[in-house]
Protein backbone atom coordinates (compact mmCIF):
# COMPACT_ATOMS: atom_id res chain seq x y z
CA UNK A 1 178.48 89.95 170.85
CA UNK A 2 177.39 93.10 172.66
CA UNK A 3 179.37 96.27 172.02
CA UNK A 4 179.56 96.60 175.81
CA UNK A 5 181.81 93.53 175.83
CA UNK A 6 184.30 95.08 173.39
CA UNK A 7 187.41 95.70 175.46
CA UNK A 8 190.61 97.43 174.43
CA UNK A 9 193.54 95.49 175.89
CA UNK A 10 197.15 96.59 176.13
CA UNK A 11 200.01 94.15 175.68
CA UNK A 12 202.36 94.07 178.65
CA UNK A 13 205.89 92.75 178.97
CA UNK A 14 206.52 93.63 182.63
CA UNK A 15 205.51 91.25 185.42
CA UNK A 16 205.75 90.82 189.17
CA UNK A 17 203.69 91.98 192.14
CA UNK A 18 205.12 95.49 192.07
CA UNK A 19 204.18 96.03 188.43
CA UNK A 20 200.73 94.51 189.03
CA UNK A 21 200.14 96.93 191.92
CA UNK A 22 201.08 99.88 189.71
CA UNK A 23 198.68 98.64 187.03
CA UNK A 24 195.82 98.38 189.51
CA UNK A 25 196.66 101.82 190.91
CA UNK A 26 196.26 103.12 187.34
CA UNK A 27 192.79 101.54 187.12
CA UNK A 28 193.84 98.50 185.08
CA UNK A 29 193.70 94.76 185.66
CA UNK A 30 196.52 92.36 184.71
CA UNK A 31 195.31 89.35 182.72
CA UNK A 32 196.65 86.41 180.72
CA UNK A 33 195.07 84.91 177.59
CA UNK A 34 195.73 81.25 176.75
CA UNK A 35 194.28 78.26 174.91
CA UNK A 36 194.04 76.66 171.44
CA UNK A 37 197.72 75.79 171.61
CA UNK A 38 198.79 79.44 171.54
CA UNK A 39 201.48 81.01 173.66
CA UNK A 40 200.07 82.87 176.69
CA UNK A 41 199.52 86.57 175.99
CA UNK A 42 199.82 88.99 178.92
CA UNK A 43 197.62 92.08 178.76
CA UNK A 44 196.26 94.94 180.86
CA UNK A 45 192.49 95.49 180.85
CA UNK A 46 190.45 98.61 181.71
CA UNK A 47 189.46 97.95 185.32
CA UNK A 48 186.07 99.66 185.66
CA UNK A 49 184.65 98.36 182.37
CA UNK A 50 185.79 94.79 182.93
CA UNK A 51 184.65 94.70 186.56
CA UNK A 52 181.11 95.52 185.34
CA UNK A 53 181.19 92.93 182.56
CA UNK A 54 182.35 90.05 184.76
CA UNK A 55 179.45 90.49 187.17
CA UNK A 56 177.76 88.18 184.70
CA UNK A 57 178.85 84.56 184.96
CA UNK A 58 180.84 83.15 182.04
CA UNK A 59 181.39 86.52 180.40
CA UNK A 60 183.01 86.53 176.96
CA UNK A 61 185.17 89.52 176.10
CA UNK A 62 185.58 90.77 172.54
CA UNK A 63 189.17 91.90 172.91
CA UNK A 64 190.89 94.47 170.74
CA UNK A 65 194.57 93.80 171.38
CA UNK A 66 196.28 96.70 169.70
CA UNK A 67 194.14 96.32 166.58
CA UNK A 68 193.89 92.52 166.60
CA UNK A 69 190.55 90.95 167.54
CA UNK A 70 190.23 88.01 169.91
CA UNK A 71 187.30 86.41 171.74
CA UNK A 72 188.09 85.20 175.26
CA UNK A 73 186.03 83.52 177.96
CA UNK A 74 186.60 84.62 181.56
CA UNK A 75 187.81 81.43 183.27
CA UNK A 76 189.11 82.66 186.60
CA UNK A 77 188.97 85.91 188.57
CA UNK A 78 191.44 86.27 191.42
CA UNK A 79 190.43 88.75 194.12
CA UNK A 80 192.02 90.08 197.27
CA UNK A 81 190.23 88.10 200.02
CA UNK A 82 189.92 91.14 202.28
CA UNK A 83 189.28 94.09 199.98
CA UNK A 84 187.72 92.09 197.10
CA UNK A 85 189.86 94.00 194.60
CA UNK A 86 190.37 92.13 191.32
CA UNK A 87 194.03 91.16 191.22
CA UNK A 88 194.21 89.06 188.06
CA UNK A 89 192.01 87.49 185.38
CA UNK A 90 192.57 84.31 183.37
CA UNK A 91 191.05 84.36 179.88
CA UNK A 92 190.51 81.36 177.59
CA UNK A 93 190.75 81.82 173.82
CA UNK A 94 187.45 80.89 172.11
CA UNK A 95 186.21 81.08 168.53
CA UNK A 96 182.77 81.85 167.10
CA UNK A 97 180.72 78.66 166.82
CA UNK A 98 182.97 76.82 169.24
CA UNK A 99 181.27 75.01 172.10
CA UNK A 100 182.54 75.28 175.66
CA UNK A 101 181.58 73.60 178.93
CA UNK A 102 180.45 76.07 181.58
CA UNK A 103 178.65 76.23 184.93
CA UNK A 104 175.44 78.23 184.44
CA UNK A 105 173.58 79.67 187.49
CA UNK A 106 170.10 78.37 188.30
CA UNK A 107 167.30 80.87 189.01
CA UNK A 108 164.23 79.49 190.80
CA UNK A 109 160.92 81.02 189.69
CA UNK A 110 157.35 80.69 190.94
CA UNK A 111 155.99 79.65 194.35
CA UNK A 112 155.63 76.13 195.64
CA UNK A 113 152.45 74.90 197.37
CA UNK A 114 151.44 76.84 200.49
CA UNK A 115 153.33 75.77 203.61
CA UNK A 116 156.24 74.21 201.76
CA UNK A 117 159.79 75.44 201.38
CA UNK A 118 162.14 75.29 198.40
CA UNK A 119 165.65 73.92 198.95
CA UNK A 120 168.28 74.51 196.28
CA UNK A 121 170.76 71.64 196.50
CA UNK A 122 172.93 72.74 193.56
CA UNK A 123 173.11 76.36 192.43
CA UNK A 124 174.52 75.74 188.94
CA UNK A 125 174.05 73.35 186.05
CA UNK A 126 176.85 72.22 183.71
CA UNK A 127 176.12 72.84 180.04
CA UNK A 128 177.90 72.59 176.73
CA UNK A 129 176.98 75.64 174.70
CA UNK A 130 178.34 77.94 172.01
CA UNK A 131 180.88 80.33 173.50
CA UNK A 132 179.10 83.38 172.07
CA UNK A 133 175.65 82.23 173.25
CA UNK A 134 176.19 81.33 176.90
CA UNK A 135 172.95 81.96 178.83
CA UNK A 136 173.12 84.25 181.86
CA UNK A 137 171.09 81.70 183.81
CA UNK A 138 168.67 78.80 183.50
CA UNK A 139 165.20 79.15 185.04
CA UNK A 140 163.68 76.37 187.13
CA UNK A 141 159.98 76.75 187.97
CA UNK A 142 158.59 75.42 191.26
CA UNK A 143 155.12 76.88 190.72
CA UNK A 144 152.54 74.84 192.65
CA UNK A 145 154.89 71.96 193.47
CA UNK A 146 153.97 70.04 196.62
CA UNK A 147 155.95 68.32 199.38
CA UNK A 148 158.24 65.59 198.08
CA UNK A 149 158.56 67.04 194.59
CA UNK A 150 162.04 67.45 193.22
CA UNK A 151 163.73 68.76 190.09
CA UNK A 152 166.78 67.08 188.60
CA UNK A 153 169.22 68.32 185.97
CA UNK A 154 167.43 66.21 183.39
CA UNK A 155 164.11 67.96 184.13
CA UNK A 156 165.40 71.40 183.15
CA UNK A 157 164.35 72.95 179.85
CA UNK A 158 167.64 73.99 178.29
CA UNK A 159 168.24 76.99 176.02
CA UNK A 160 168.38 76.30 172.28
CA UNK A 161 171.73 74.83 171.28
CA UNK A 162 172.70 73.87 174.83
CA UNK A 163 173.19 70.30 176.04
CA UNK A 164 173.51 68.88 179.54
CA UNK A 165 176.89 67.70 180.76
CA UNK A 166 176.98 65.19 183.60
CA UNK A 167 174.37 63.27 185.58
CA UNK A 168 170.77 63.89 184.51
CA UNK A 169 169.64 62.56 187.91
CA UNK A 170 171.57 65.25 189.83
CA UNK A 171 169.15 66.81 192.33
CA UNK A 172 168.88 70.57 191.88
CA UNK A 173 165.79 71.61 193.84
CA UNK A 174 163.59 69.88 196.41
CA UNK A 175 160.24 70.78 197.98
CA UNK A 176 159.58 70.00 201.63
CA UNK A 177 157.60 71.03 204.71
CA UNK A 178 159.54 72.82 207.50
CA UNK A 179 160.57 70.42 210.28
CA UNK A 180 158.80 72.56 212.91
CA UNK A 181 155.47 72.18 211.11
CA UNK A 182 155.94 68.42 210.78
CA UNK A 183 156.67 68.22 214.52
CA UNK A 184 153.55 70.24 215.34
CA UNK A 185 151.41 67.97 213.15
CA UNK A 186 152.85 64.88 214.84
CA UNK A 187 152.19 66.35 218.29
CA UNK A 188 148.61 67.19 217.32
CA UNK A 189 148.05 63.66 216.04
CA UNK A 190 149.53 62.14 219.21
CA UNK A 191 147.34 64.39 221.38
CA UNK A 192 144.24 63.41 219.41
CA UNK A 193 145.11 59.72 219.75
CA UNK A 194 145.69 60.15 223.51
CA UNK A 195 142.27 61.79 223.91
CA UNK A 196 140.58 59.11 221.86
CA UNK A 197 142.14 56.21 223.76
CA UNK A 198 140.04 56.51 227.03
CA UNK A 199 136.83 56.79 225.05
CA UNK A 200 137.69 53.67 223.07
CA UNK A 201 138.53 51.77 226.28
CA UNK A 202 135.23 52.85 227.90
CA UNK A 203 133.30 51.70 224.85
CA UNK A 204 135.06 48.35 224.94
CA UNK A 205 133.98 47.82 228.59
């Protein structure tokens, strides 16, 4: 675990929207920790530090709860729909070596064959991986791929220790030619056939 992910959390016993607003005004974020059959624990987290950490998908926090250590996976971040202020965070208790199922972002690398376009059908892939070794993303290369090529979940090279969850045939990325170019090619072919037709008829006579 990175030291940057070590977060000092404060236990809280007060609840309600008014208390939550006062917490946020003080630069803190209300959160709840649950899982592994434990009673939910309500805490306040340092707002600026945590907002930076959770920019990364599936962040795991190394919590120091008044001297007691606890690993927790960020499961849900609730934001104000207008101001995008973090209102609340749900944290799931995890243990070192434990595997969790997470959605990992896909990053497309490389360039497909000239004139083609890359369409990302699904932006994440579902993996089972150790909670303390969740990859930031999974790379999918389209280098040199031509029209009609496609990449499924089963085609992806997974990080060490990770396994695919779900359908291996799930389409992630497809390579195609823009519709406008296809239309232009068809028009050119039709024009060429139209020009050739009189000559063929004359030859037949």
